[in-house]
Structure formats: C-alpha cells, structure tokens
Amino acid sequence: MSADLRTTRMRLLSHSKNMVNAAQSHDWEAFEMLNSAWPEMLEHANEQFGSDLIDLQSELLEDNQQIQASIEQAQTDLTKELQSNTQRFHRLQAYLK
C-alpha cells in the first residue's frame, strides 16, 4: 500500500469520524462545514484510488448511519420543543384574554 493511499484512507476515516462526533454533539455548524467538504473528498479519493478504498465502505456507511440517527434525534427533539412552545404560547394567549 502506497503512502498516498494510506494517507487518503486516514483522511477519509478521520473526516468521517469528525462528522459523526459533530453530529452526536449537535455541533451543526461544524457538521455543516465538514459535510460540505465531504463529497469532493470522496470524489477525489475515488478518482485517485478507486477500488483500493472499497474496504472502507462498510465503516463509512456505519458512520453515515450514526450521523443519520443523530440528525433524526435532533429533529425529534426540535419537534417536541416546538410543540411545547406552541402549547405555552396558547396557554399564555388564553390567560391574556
């Protein structure tokens, strides 16, 4: 395995794990910054090394599933918070009448 291939593999894994960490800690600004660079990184790595990176596929997919789970949980939390705020608003409106 060439040094360039090893470096690319480490960069991809590191970047993917950083996206997971940002999503799990709900640091959406950092996640967006990392996520916006991700497609270009993958495309460049694929053009350069292609099938030499196939063994990373399962780990990257697992990271993606963790990111999706974090996003779904954040959406659920936001929905609950919105519902709670809406209920408080309606109670306040009723009180002020």
C-alpha atoms as a PDB file:
ATOM      1  CA  MET A   1       0.000   0.000   0.000  1.00  0.00           C
ATOM      2  CA  SER A   2       1.447   3.340  -1.039  1.00  0.00           C
ATOM      3  CA  ALA A   3       1.938   6.198   1.389  1.00  0.00           C
ATOM      4  CA  ASP A   4      -0.552   8.305  -0.584  1.00  0.00           C
ATOM      5  CA  LEU A   5      -3.192   5.598  -0.293  1.00  0.00           C
ATOM      6  CA  ARG A   6      -2.590   5.232   3.462  1.00  0.00           C
ATOM      7  CA  THR A   7      -2.816   8.999   3.908  1.00  0.00           C
ATOM      8  CA  THR A   8      -6.030   9.186   1.902  1.00  0.00           C
ATOM      9  CA  ARG A   9      -7.571   6.337   3.883  1.00  0.00           C
ATOM     10  CA  MET A  10      -6.686   8.027   7.166  1.00  0.00           C
ATOM     11  CA  ARG A  11      -8.050  11.367   5.973  1.00  0.00           C
ATOM     12  CA  LEU A  12     -11.336   9.810   4.897  1.00  0.00           C
ATOM     13  CA  LEU A  13     -11.759   7.896   8.150  1.00  0.00           C
ATOM     14  CA  SER A  14     -10.756  10.885  10.253  1.00  0.00           C
ATOM     15  CA  HIS A  15     -13.097  13.220   8.407  1.00  0.00           C
ATOM     16  CA  SER A  16     -15.949  10.738   8.673  1.00  0.00           C
ATOM     17  CA  LYS A  17     -15.398  10.282  12.427  1.00  0.00           C
ATOM     18  CA  ASN A  18     -15.237  14.065  12.865  1.00  0.00           C
ATOM     19  CA  MET A  19     -18.625  14.346  11.142  1.00  0.00           C
ATOM     20  CA  VAL A  20     -20.028  11.672  13.477  1.00  0.00           C
ATOM     21  CA  ASN A  21     -18.650  13.498  16.519  1.00  0.00           C
ATOM     22  CA  ALA A  22     -20.043  16.844  15.368  1.00  0.00           C
ATOM     23  CA  ALA A  23     -23.485  15.334  14.731  1.00  0.00           C
ATOM     24  CA  GLN A  24     -23.548  13.469  18.034  1.00  0.00           C
ATOM     25  CA  SER A  25     -22.571  16.609  19.948  1.00  0.00           C
ATOM     26  CA  HIS A  26     -25.156  18.630  17.989  1.00  0.00           C
ATOM     27  CA  ASP A  27     -22.460  20.982  16.701  1.00  0.00           C
ATOM     28  CA  TRP A  28     -24.324  21.618  13.469  1.00  0.00           C
ATOM     29  CA  GLU A  29     -22.068  24.459  12.349  1.00  0.00           C
ATOM     30  CA  ALA A  30     -19.017  22.188  12.477  1.00  0.00           C
ATOM     31  CA  PHE A  31     -21.002  19.346  10.926  1.00  0.00           C
ATOM     32  CA  GLU A  32     -22.097  21.522   8.002  1.00  0.00           C
ATOM     33  CA  MET A  33     -18.541  22.674   7.382  1.00  0.00           C
ATOM     34  CA  LEU A  34     -17.273  19.082   7.404  1.00  0.00           C
ATOM     35  CA  ASN A  35     -20.207  17.769   5.401  1.00  0.00           C
ATOM     36  CA  SER A  36     -19.821  20.393   2.680  1.00  0.00           C
ATOM     37  CA  ALA A  37     -16.244  19.237   2.019  1.00  0.00           C
ATOM     38  CA  TRP A  38     -17.126  15.528   2.128  1.00  0.00           C
ATOM     39  CA  PRO A  39     -18.426  14.903  -1.436  1.00  0.00           C
ATOM     40  CA  GLU A  40     -15.345  16.459  -3.015  1.00  0.00           C
ATOM     41  CA  MET A  41     -13.052  14.446  -0.731  1.00  0.00           C
ATOM     42  CA  LEU A  42     -14.817  11.220  -1.659  1.00  0.00           C
ATOM     43  CA  GLU A  43     -14.810  12.020  -5.359  1.00  0.00           C
ATOM     44  CA  HIS A  44     -11.108  12.907  -5.371  1.00  0.00           C
ATOM     45  CA  ALA A  45     -10.207   9.776  -3.389  1.00  0.00           C
ATOM     46  CA  ASN A  46     -12.299   7.606  -5.697  1.00  0.00           C
ATOM     47  CA  GLU A  47     -10.709   9.115  -8.807  1.00  0.00           C
ATOM     48  CA  GLN A  48      -7.245   8.621  -7.376  1.00  0.00           C
ATOM     49  CA  PHE A  49      -7.578   5.169  -5.776  1.00  0.00           C
ATOM     50  CA  GLY A  50     -10.933   3.693  -6.822  1.00  0.00           C
ATOM     51  CA  SER A  51     -11.379   0.092  -5.728  1.00  0.00           C
ATOM     52  CA  ASP A  52      -8.381   0.287  -3.370  1.00  0.00           C
ATOM     53  CA  LEU A  53     -10.752   2.035  -0.949  1.00  0.00           C
ATOM     54  CA  ILE A  54     -13.598  -0.490  -1.171  1.00  0.00           C
ATOM     55  CA  ASP A  55     -12.790  -1.972   2.236  1.00  0.00           C
ATOM     56  CA  LEU A  56     -13.598   1.402   3.853  1.00  0.00           C
ATOM     57  CA  GLN A  57     -17.138   1.255   2.530  1.00  0.00           C
ATOM     58  CA  SER A  58     -18.711  -0.572   5.481  1.00  0.00           C
ATOM     59  CA  GLU A  59     -17.097   1.698   8.071  1.00  0.00           C
ATOM     60  CA  LEU A  60     -18.094   4.844   6.185  1.00  0.00           C
ATOM     61  CA  LEU A  61     -21.646   3.527   5.834  1.00  0.00           C
ATOM     62  CA  GLU A  62     -21.757   2.804   9.570  1.00  0.00           C
ATOM     63  CA  ASP A  63     -20.604   6.360  10.269  1.00  0.00           C
ATOM     64  CA  ASN A  64     -23.303   7.641   7.943  1.00  0.00           C
ATOM     65  CA  GLN A  65     -25.935   5.650   9.837  1.00  0.00           C
ATOM     66  CA  GLN A  66     -24.741   7.157  13.120  1.00  0.00           C
ATOM     67  CA  ILE A  67     -24.946  10.628  11.593  1.00  0.00           C
ATOM     68  CA  GLN A  68     -28.468   9.935  10.332  1.00  0.00           C
ATOM     69  CA  ALA A  69     -29.521   8.712  13.778  1.00  0.00           C
ATOM     70  CA  SER A  70     -28.134  11.887  15.379  1.00  0.00           C
ATOM     71  CA  ILE A  71     -29.928  14.078  12.858  1.00  0.00           C
ATOM     72  CA  GLU A  72     -33.200  12.208  13.346  1.00  0.00           C
ATOM     73  CA  GLN A  73     -32.890  12.551  17.135  1.00  0.00           C
ATOM     74  CA  ALA A  74     -32.191  16.274  16.817  1.00  0.00           C
ATOM     75  CA  GLN A  75     -35.237  16.662  14.569  1.00  0.00           C
ATOM     76  CA  THR A  76     -37.385  14.795  17.091  1.00  0.00           C
ATOM     77  CA  ASP A  77     -36.074  16.977  19.916  1.00  0.00           C
ATOM     78  CA  LEU A  78     -36.769  20.143  17.934  1.00  0.00           C
ATOM     79  CA  THR A  79     -40.284  18.975  17.104  1.00  0.00           C
ATOM     80  CA  LYS A  80     -41.001  18.290  20.782  1.00  0.00           C
ATOM     81  CA  GLU A  81     -39.598  21.683  21.756  1.00  0.00           C
ATOM     82  CA  LEU A  82     -41.717  23.412  19.115  1.00  0.00           C
ATOM     83  CA  GLN A  83     -44.840  21.606  20.321  1.00  0.00           C
ATOM     84  CA  SER A  84     -44.076  22.572  23.908  1.00  0.00           C
ATOM     85  CA  ASN A  85     -43.509  26.210  22.963  1.00  0.00           C
ATOM     86  CA  THR A  86     -46.717  26.242  20.928  1.00  0.00           C
ATOM     87  CA  GLN A  87     -48.676  24.897  23.901  1.00  0.00           C
ATOM     88  CA  ARG A  88     -47.139  27.535  26.195  1.00  0.00           C
ATOM     89  CA  PHE A  89     -47.993  30.238  23.691  1.00  0.00           C
ATOM     90  CA  HIS A  90     -51.623  29.097  23.506  1.00  0.00           C
ATOM     91  CA  ARG A  91     -51.870  28.976  27.308  1.00  0.00           C
ATOM     92  CA  LEU A  92     -50.423  32.471  27.519  1.00  0.00           C
ATOM     93  CA  GLN A  93     -52.873  33.713  24.898  1.00  0.00           C
ATOM     94  CA  ALA A  94     -55.779  32.184  26.838  1.00  0.00           C
ATOM     95  CA  TYR A  95     -54.524  33.750  30.068  1.00  0.00           C
ATOM     96  CA  LEU A  96     -54.259  37.199  28.500  1.00  0.00           C
ATOM     97  CA  LYS A  97     -57.850  37.124  27.163  1.00  0.00           C
END
